[in-house]
Amino acid sequence: MRPFLGIFFLCWFISLFLPWWSVLIPALFLGAWLFEKSAQAFIVGFTAAGMAWFVQALYIHIANDAILSTRIAETLSVGSPWVLLLITFIIGGLLGGFGTLLGVQSKHVLRSTDKPQST
């Protein structure tokens, strides 16, 4: 639960001030620090970052009476603003999931290069 909350809050906070790709920064570092298994890291990163993006998009959706999300949904021809929010969750989730996966895999690669090679 702690890794989820850490990734969620850091991704949400960073996305308020920095570009969309900045979600990778906390996902990468927390993935390398908190996880040992790749599958667990991807699932937690996917759900946490996806929820962070979804909560922010839902807040914007509610704050402007769905005007912006309805217009974007019409522009992208997805039909409903709720489908647009689901797409937002999936894109943010993939970004966070691959970020945590990159962190875990980088940690494993760096650990394996630290060990002396026996011939």
N, C-alpha and C. Protein backbone atom coordinates (compact mmCIF):
# COMPACT_ATOMS: atom_id res chain seq x y z
N MET A 1 0.83 -1.20 0.00
CA MET A 1 0.00 0.00 0.00
C MET A 1 0.87 1.26 0.00
N ARG A 2 1.99 1.22 0.72
CA ARG A 2 2.87 2.39 0.75
C ARG A 2 3.46 2.74 -0.61
N PRO A 3 3.93 1.74 -1.37
CA PRO A 3 4.44 2.09 -2.71
C PRO A 3 3.36 2.71 -3.59
N PHE A 4 2.13 2.20 -3.50
CA PHE A 4 1.03 2.75 -4.27
C PHE A 4 0.80 4.21 -3.91
N LEU A 5 0.71 4.49 -2.61
CA LEU A 5 0.45 5.86 -2.16
C LEU A 5 1.61 6.80 -2.51
N GLY A 6 2.83 6.31 -2.37
CA GLY A 6 3.98 7.13 -2.71
C GLY A 6 4.00 7.50 -4.18
N ILE A 7 3.80 6.52 -5.04
CA ILE A 7 3.79 6.79 -6.47
C ILE A 7 2.60 7.68 -6.84
N PHE A 8 1.44 7.38 -6.25
CA PHE A 8 0.23 8.16 -6.54
C PHE A 8 0.42 9.64 -6.22
N PHE A 9 0.84 9.93 -4.98
CA PHE A 9 0.94 11.33 -4.58
C PHE A 9 2.08 12.06 -5.30
N LEU A 10 3.20 11.41 -5.48
CA LEU A 10 4.30 12.08 -6.19
C LEU A 10 3.96 12.32 -7.66
N CYS A 11 3.34 11.35 -8.31
CA CYS A 11 2.94 11.54 -9.70
C CYS A 11 1.88 12.63 -9.83
N TRP A 12 0.94 12.63 -8.91
CA TRP A 12 -0.10 13.66 -8.95
C TRP A 12 0.50 15.04 -8.72
N PHE A 13 1.37 15.17 -7.73
CA PHE A 13 1.95 16.47 -7.40
C PHE A 13 2.86 16.98 -8.53
N ILE A 14 3.69 16.10 -9.04
CA ILE A 14 4.61 16.52 -10.11
C ILE A 14 3.86 16.90 -11.38
N SER A 15 2.76 16.18 -11.66
CA SER A 15 2.02 16.49 -12.89
C SER A 15 1.30 17.83 -12.82
N LEU A 16 1.19 18.42 -11.63
CA LEU A 16 0.58 19.74 -11.52
C LEU A 16 1.50 20.83 -12.07
N PHE A 17 2.81 20.62 -12.00
CA PHE A 17 3.75 21.67 -12.34
C PHE A 17 4.63 21.38 -13.54
N LEU A 18 4.84 20.12 -13.85
CA LEU A 18 5.78 19.75 -14.90
C LEU A 18 5.04 19.10 -16.06
N PRO A 19 5.70 18.88 -17.19
CA PRO A 19 5.05 18.26 -18.35
C PRO A 19 4.57 16.83 -18.07
N TRP A 20 3.81 16.28 -19.00
CA TRP A 20 3.19 14.98 -18.82
C TRP A 20 4.20 13.86 -18.60
N TRP A 21 5.36 13.93 -19.23
CA TRP A 21 6.35 12.87 -19.12
C TRP A 21 7.06 12.87 -17.77
N SER A 22 6.89 13.89 -16.97
CA SER A 22 7.56 13.97 -15.68
C SER A 22 7.06 12.93 -14.68
N VAL A 23 5.95 12.26 -15.00
CA VAL A 23 5.45 11.18 -14.15
C VAL A 23 6.47 10.04 -14.10
N LEU A 24 7.29 9.93 -15.12
CA LEU A 24 8.32 8.89 -15.14
C LEU A 24 9.35 9.05 -14.03
N ILE A 25 9.61 10.25 -13.60
CA ILE A 25 10.66 10.50 -12.62
C ILE A 25 10.38 9.82 -11.28
N PRO A 26 9.24 10.09 -10.61
CA PRO A 26 9.01 9.39 -9.35
C PRO A 26 8.76 7.89 -9.55
N ALA A 27 8.14 7.53 -10.67
CA ALA A 27 7.89 6.10 -10.92
C ALA A 27 9.21 5.35 -11.06
N LEU A 28 10.17 5.93 -11.75
CA LEU A 28 11.46 5.27 -11.95
C LEU A 28 12.20 5.12 -10.63
N PHE A 29 12.31 6.18 -9.87
CA PHE A 29 13.07 6.13 -8.62
C PHE A 29 12.38 5.27 -7.56
N LEU A 30 11.07 5.40 -7.41
CA LEU A 30 10.37 4.57 -6.44
C LEU A 30 10.31 3.11 -6.87
N GLY A 31 10.27 2.88 -8.18
CA GLY A 31 10.32 1.51 -8.67
C GLY A 31 11.64 0.85 -8.35
N ALA A 32 12.73 1.57 -8.50
CA ALA A 32 14.05 1.01 -8.20
C ALA A 32 14.24 0.85 -6.70
N TRP A 33 13.64 1.70 -5.92
CA TRP A 33 13.86 1.69 -4.47
C TRP A 33 12.96 0.68 -3.75
N LEU A 34 11.70 0.55 -4.17
CA LEU A 34 10.73 -0.19 -3.39
C LEU A 34 10.39 -1.58 -3.89
N PHE A 35 10.77 -1.93 -5.10
CA PHE A 35 10.31 -3.20 -5.67
C PHE A 35 11.47 -4.12 -6.01
N GLU A 36 11.18 -5.42 -5.95
CA GLU A 36 12.13 -6.45 -6.38
C GLU A 36 11.60 -7.21 -7.59
N LYS A 37 10.30 -7.37 -7.69
CA LYS A 37 9.69 -8.13 -8.77
C LYS A 37 9.13 -7.19 -9.84
N SER A 38 9.38 -7.54 -11.09
CA SER A 38 8.98 -6.69 -12.20
C SER A 38 7.47 -6.61 -12.37
N ALA A 39 6.79 -7.74 -12.24
CA ALA A 39 5.34 -7.75 -12.44
C ALA A 39 4.63 -6.91 -11.38
N GLN A 40 5.06 -7.05 -10.14
CA GLN A 40 4.46 -6.27 -9.05
C GLN A 40 4.72 -4.77 -9.27
N ALA A 41 5.92 -4.43 -9.69
CA ALA A 41 6.25 -3.03 -9.94
C ALA A 41 5.39 -2.44 -11.04
N PHE A 42 5.21 -3.19 -12.12
CA PHE A 42 4.40 -2.67 -13.23
C PHE A 42 2.95 -2.48 -12.81
N ILE A 43 2.39 -3.45 -12.09
CA ILE A 43 0.98 -3.35 -11.70
C ILE A 43 0.74 -2.19 -10.74
N VAL A 44 1.61 -2.05 -9.75
CA VAL A 44 1.45 -0.95 -8.78
C VAL A 44 1.69 0.39 -9.47
N GLY A 45 2.72 0.49 -10.30
CA GLY A 45 2.98 1.73 -11.02
C GLY A 45 1.86 2.09 -11.97
N PHE A 46 1.31 1.08 -12.65
CA PHE A 46 0.19 1.31 -13.57
C PHE A 46 -1.03 1.86 -12.84
N THR A 47 -1.41 1.21 -11.76
CA THR A 47 -2.61 1.65 -11.05
C THR A 47 -2.40 2.99 -10.35
N ALA A 48 -1.24 3.21 -9.76
CA ALA A 48 -1.00 4.45 -9.02
C ALA A 48 -0.93 5.65 -9.96
N ALA A 49 -0.12 5.57 -10.99
CA ALA A 49 0.00 6.70 -11.92
C ALA A 49 -1.28 6.90 -12.71
N GLY A 50 -1.94 5.80 -13.08
CA GLY A 50 -3.22 5.92 -13.78
C GLY A 50 -4.27 6.60 -12.92
N MET A 51 -4.32 6.23 -11.65
CA MET A 51 -5.27 6.87 -10.75
C MET A 51 -4.92 8.34 -10.51
N ALA A 52 -3.64 8.66 -10.46
CA ALA A 52 -3.24 10.06 -10.28
C ALA A 52 -3.72 10.90 -11.46
N TRP A 53 -3.53 10.39 -12.67
CA TRP A 53 -3.99 11.12 -13.85
C TRP A 53 -5.51 11.16 -13.89
N PHE A 54 -6.17 10.06 -13.53
CA PHE A 54 -7.63 10.01 -13.55
C PHE A 54 -8.23 10.99 -12.55
N VAL A 55 -7.67 11.06 -11.35
CA VAL A 55 -8.19 11.98 -10.33
C VAL A 55 -8.04 13.42 -10.80
N GLN A 56 -6.90 13.75 -11.39
CA GLN A 56 -6.71 15.12 -11.89
C GLN A 56 -7.67 15.42 -13.03
N ALA A 57 -7.84 14.48 -13.95
CA ALA A 57 -8.76 14.68 -15.08
C ALA A 57 -10.21 14.75 -14.59
N LEU A 58 -10.56 13.94 -13.59
CA LEU A 58 -11.92 13.98 -13.05
C LEU A 58 -12.18 15.31 -12.34
N TYR A 59 -11.19 15.82 -11.65
CA TYR A 59 -11.35 17.13 -11.00
C TYR A 59 -11.61 18.22 -12.04
N ILE A 60 -10.84 18.19 -13.12
CA ILE A 60 -11.05 19.18 -14.20
C ILE A 60 -12.42 18.97 -14.84
N HIS A 61 -12.81 17.72 -15.03
CA HIS A 61 -14.12 17.40 -15.61
C HIS A 61 -15.25 17.97 -14.76
N ILE A 62 -15.16 17.80 -13.46
CA ILE A 62 -16.21 18.28 -12.56
C ILE A 62 -16.15 19.80 -12.41
N ALA A 63 -14.96 20.36 -12.35
CA ALA A 63 -14.81 21.80 -12.11
C ALA A 63 -15.39 22.67 -13.22
N ASN A 64 -15.33 22.18 -14.46
CA ASN A 64 -15.87 23.02 -15.55
C ASN A 64 -17.12 22.42 -16.18
N ASP A 65 -17.87 21.65 -15.39
CA ASP A 65 -19.15 21.05 -15.80
C ASP A 65 -19.03 20.23 -17.08
N ALA A 66 -17.93 19.55 -17.24
CA ALA A 66 -17.68 18.61 -18.35
C ALA A 66 -17.60 19.28 -19.72
N ILE A 67 -17.43 20.59 -19.76
CA ILE A 67 -17.35 21.28 -21.04
C ILE A 67 -16.08 20.90 -21.79
N LEU A 68 -14.95 20.98 -21.11
CA LEU A 68 -13.67 20.69 -21.76
C LEU A 68 -13.56 19.23 -22.18
N SER A 69 -13.89 18.32 -21.30
CA SER A 69 -13.76 16.90 -21.63
C SER A 69 -14.75 16.48 -22.71
N THR A 70 -15.93 17.09 -22.75
CA THR A 70 -16.89 16.78 -23.82
C THR A 70 -16.36 17.26 -25.16
N ARG A 71 -15.79 18.44 -25.20
CA ARG A 71 -15.24 18.96 -26.47
C ARG A 71 -14.05 18.14 -26.94
N ILE A 72 -13.19 17.73 -26.01
CA ILE A 72 -12.03 16.91 -26.40
C ILE A 72 -12.51 15.54 -26.86
N ALA A 73 -13.51 14.97 -26.20
CA ALA A 73 -14.06 13.68 -26.61
C ALA A 73 -14.67 13.77 -28.01
N GLU A 74 -15.35 14.88 -28.30
CA GLU A 74 -15.89 15.06 -29.65
C GLU A 74 -14.78 15.23 -30.69
N THR A 75 -13.74 15.96 -30.32
CA THR A 75 -12.61 16.16 -31.24
C THR A 75 -11.92 14.84 -31.56
N LEU A 76 -11.74 14.00 -30.56
CA LEU A 76 -11.07 12.71 -30.75
C LEU A 76 -12.02 11.61 -31.22
N SER A 77 -13.30 11.92 -31.33
CA SER A 77 -14.34 10.98 -31.77
C SER A 77 -14.41 9.74 -30.89
N VAL A 78 -14.34 9.92 -29.59
CA VAL A 78 -14.47 8.80 -28.67
C VAL A 78 -15.87 8.69 -28.09
N GLY A 79 -16.72 9.65 -28.35
CA GLY A 79 -18.11 9.59 -27.94
C GLY A 79 -18.40 10.25 -26.61
N SER A 80 -17.97 9.66 -25.55
CA SER A 80 -18.33 10.12 -24.21
C SER A 80 -17.11 10.70 -23.49
N PRO A 81 -17.33 11.71 -22.66
CA PRO A 81 -16.20 12.20 -21.86
C PRO A 81 -15.69 11.15 -20.87
N TRP A 82 -16.53 10.20 -20.48
CA TRP A 82 -16.09 9.14 -19.56
C TRP A 82 -15.12 8.19 -20.25
N VAL A 83 -15.31 7.99 -21.54
CA VAL A 83 -14.35 7.19 -22.31
C VAL A 83 -13.01 7.92 -22.37
N LEU A 84 -13.08 9.23 -22.51
CA LEU A 84 -11.86 10.03 -22.50
C LEU A 84 -11.13 9.93 -21.16
N LEU A 85 -11.87 9.92 -20.06
CA LEU A 85 -11.25 9.75 -18.74
C LEU A 85 -10.63 8.36 -18.60
N LEU A 86 -11.27 7.35 -19.18
CA LEU A 86 -10.70 6.00 -19.17
C LEU A 86 -9.41 5.95 -19.99
N ILE A 87 -9.40 6.60 -21.13
CA ILE A 87 -8.19 6.67 -21.96
C ILE A 87 -7.08 7.40 -21.20
N THR A 88 -7.44 8.45 -20.49
CA THR A 88 -6.47 9.18 -19.67
C THR A 88 -5.87 8.27 -18.61
N PHE A 89 -6.71 7.47 -17.96
CA PHE A 89 -6.22 6.51 -16.96
C PHE A 89 -5.25 5.52 -17.59
N ILE A 90 -5.58 5.01 -18.76
CA ILE A 90 -4.74 4.00 -19.40
C ILE A 90 -3.39 4.59 -19.82
N ILE A 91 -3.39 5.79 -20.39
CA ILE A 91 -2.13 6.41 -20.81
C ILE A 91 -1.25 6.72 -19.61
N GLY A 92 -1.83 7.31 -18.57
CA GLY A 92 -1.06 7.58 -17.36
C GLY A 92 -0.58 6.31 -16.69
N GLY A 93 -1.42 5.28 -16.72
CA GLY A 93 -1.04 4.00 -16.14
C GLY A 93 0.11 3.34 -16.88
N LEU A 94 0.06 3.38 -18.19
CA LEU A 94 1.17 2.81 -18.96
C LEU A 94 2.47 3.56 -18.70
N LEU A 95 2.37 4.86 -18.61
CA LEU A 95 3.56 5.66 -18.33
C LEU A 95 4.14 5.32 -16.96
N GLY A 96 3.30 5.24 -15.94
CA GLY A 96 3.77 4.89 -14.61
C GLY A 96 4.23 3.45 -14.50
N GLY A 97 3.52 2.55 -15.16
CA GLY A 97 3.90 1.14 -15.12
C GLY A 97 5.24 0.88 -15.77
N PHE A 98 5.44 1.47 -16.94
CA PHE A 98 6.74 1.29 -17.60
C PHE A 98 7.85 2.03 -16.86
N GLY A 99 7.51 3.12 -16.18
CA GLY A 99 8.52 3.83 -15.37
C GLY A 99 9.00 2.99 -14.20
N THR A 100 8.06 2.37 -13.48
CA THR A 100 8.47 1.52 -12.36
C THR A 100 9.19 0.27 -12.85
N LEU A 101 8.74 -0.26 -13.98
CA LEU A 101 9.41 -1.42 -14.56
C LEU A 101 10.84 -1.08 -14.96
N LEU A 102 11.03 0.09 -15.54
CA LEU A 102 12.37 0.55 -15.90
C LEU A 102 13.24 0.69 -14.65
N GLY A 103 12.68 1.20 -13.57
CA GLY A 103 13.43 1.33 -12.33
C GLY A 103 13.88 0.00 -11.78
N VAL A 104 12.99 -0.98 -11.75
CA VAL A 104 13.34 -2.31 -11.23
C VAL A 104 14.38 -2.97 -12.13
N GLN A 105 14.17 -2.91 -13.43
CA GLN A 105 15.11 -3.55 -14.35
C GLN A 105 16.49 -2.87 -14.31
N SER A 106 16.51 -1.57 -14.15
CA SER A 106 17.79 -0.86 -14.03
C SER A 106 18.53 -1.28 -12.77
N LYS A 107 17.79 -1.46 -11.68
CA LYS A 107 18.40 -1.92 -10.44
C LYS A 107 19.00 -3.31 -10.62
N HIS A 108 18.27 -4.20 -11.29
CA HIS A 108 18.78 -5.56 -11.51
C HIS A 108 20.01 -5.56 -12.41
N VAL A 109 20.03 -4.72 -13.42
CA VAL A 109 21.19 -4.64 -14.32
C VAL A 109 22.39 -4.08 -13.58
N LEU A 110 22.18 -3.05 -12.78
CA LEU A 110 23.30 -2.46 -12.04
C LEU A 110 23.84 -3.42 -10.99
N ARG A 111 22.98 -4.22 -10.38
CA ARG A 111 23.44 -5.21 -9.41
C ARG A 111 24.27 -6.31 -10.10
N SER A 112 23.84 -6.71 -11.28
CA SER A 112 24.56 -7.79 -11.97
C SER A 112 25.89 -7.32 -12.50
N THR A 113 26.06 -6.04 -12.81
CA THR A 113 27.35 -5.54 -13.29
C THR A 113 28.30 -5.27 -12.13
N ASP A 114 27.79 -5.16 -10.90
CA ASP A 114 28.66 -4.96 -9.75
C ASP A 114 29.39 -6.23 -9.33
N LYS A 115 28.81 -7.37 -9.66
CA LYS A 115 29.42 -8.64 -9.27
C LYS A 115 30.62 -8.94 -10.16
N PRO A 116 31.70 -9.44 -9.58
CA PRO A 116 32.86 -9.76 -10.42
C PRO A 116 32.58 -10.94 -11.31
N GLN A 117 33.08 -10.89 -12.52
CA GLN A 117 32.92 -11.95 -13.50
C GLN A 117 33.93 -13.05 -13.24
N SER A 118 33.46 -14.29 -13.15
CA SER A 118 34.39 -15.41 -12.98
C SER A 118 34.60 -16.07 -14.33
N THR A 119 35.84 -16.38 -14.63
CA THR A 119 36.17 -17.00 -15.91
C THR A 119 36.58 -18.43 -15.79
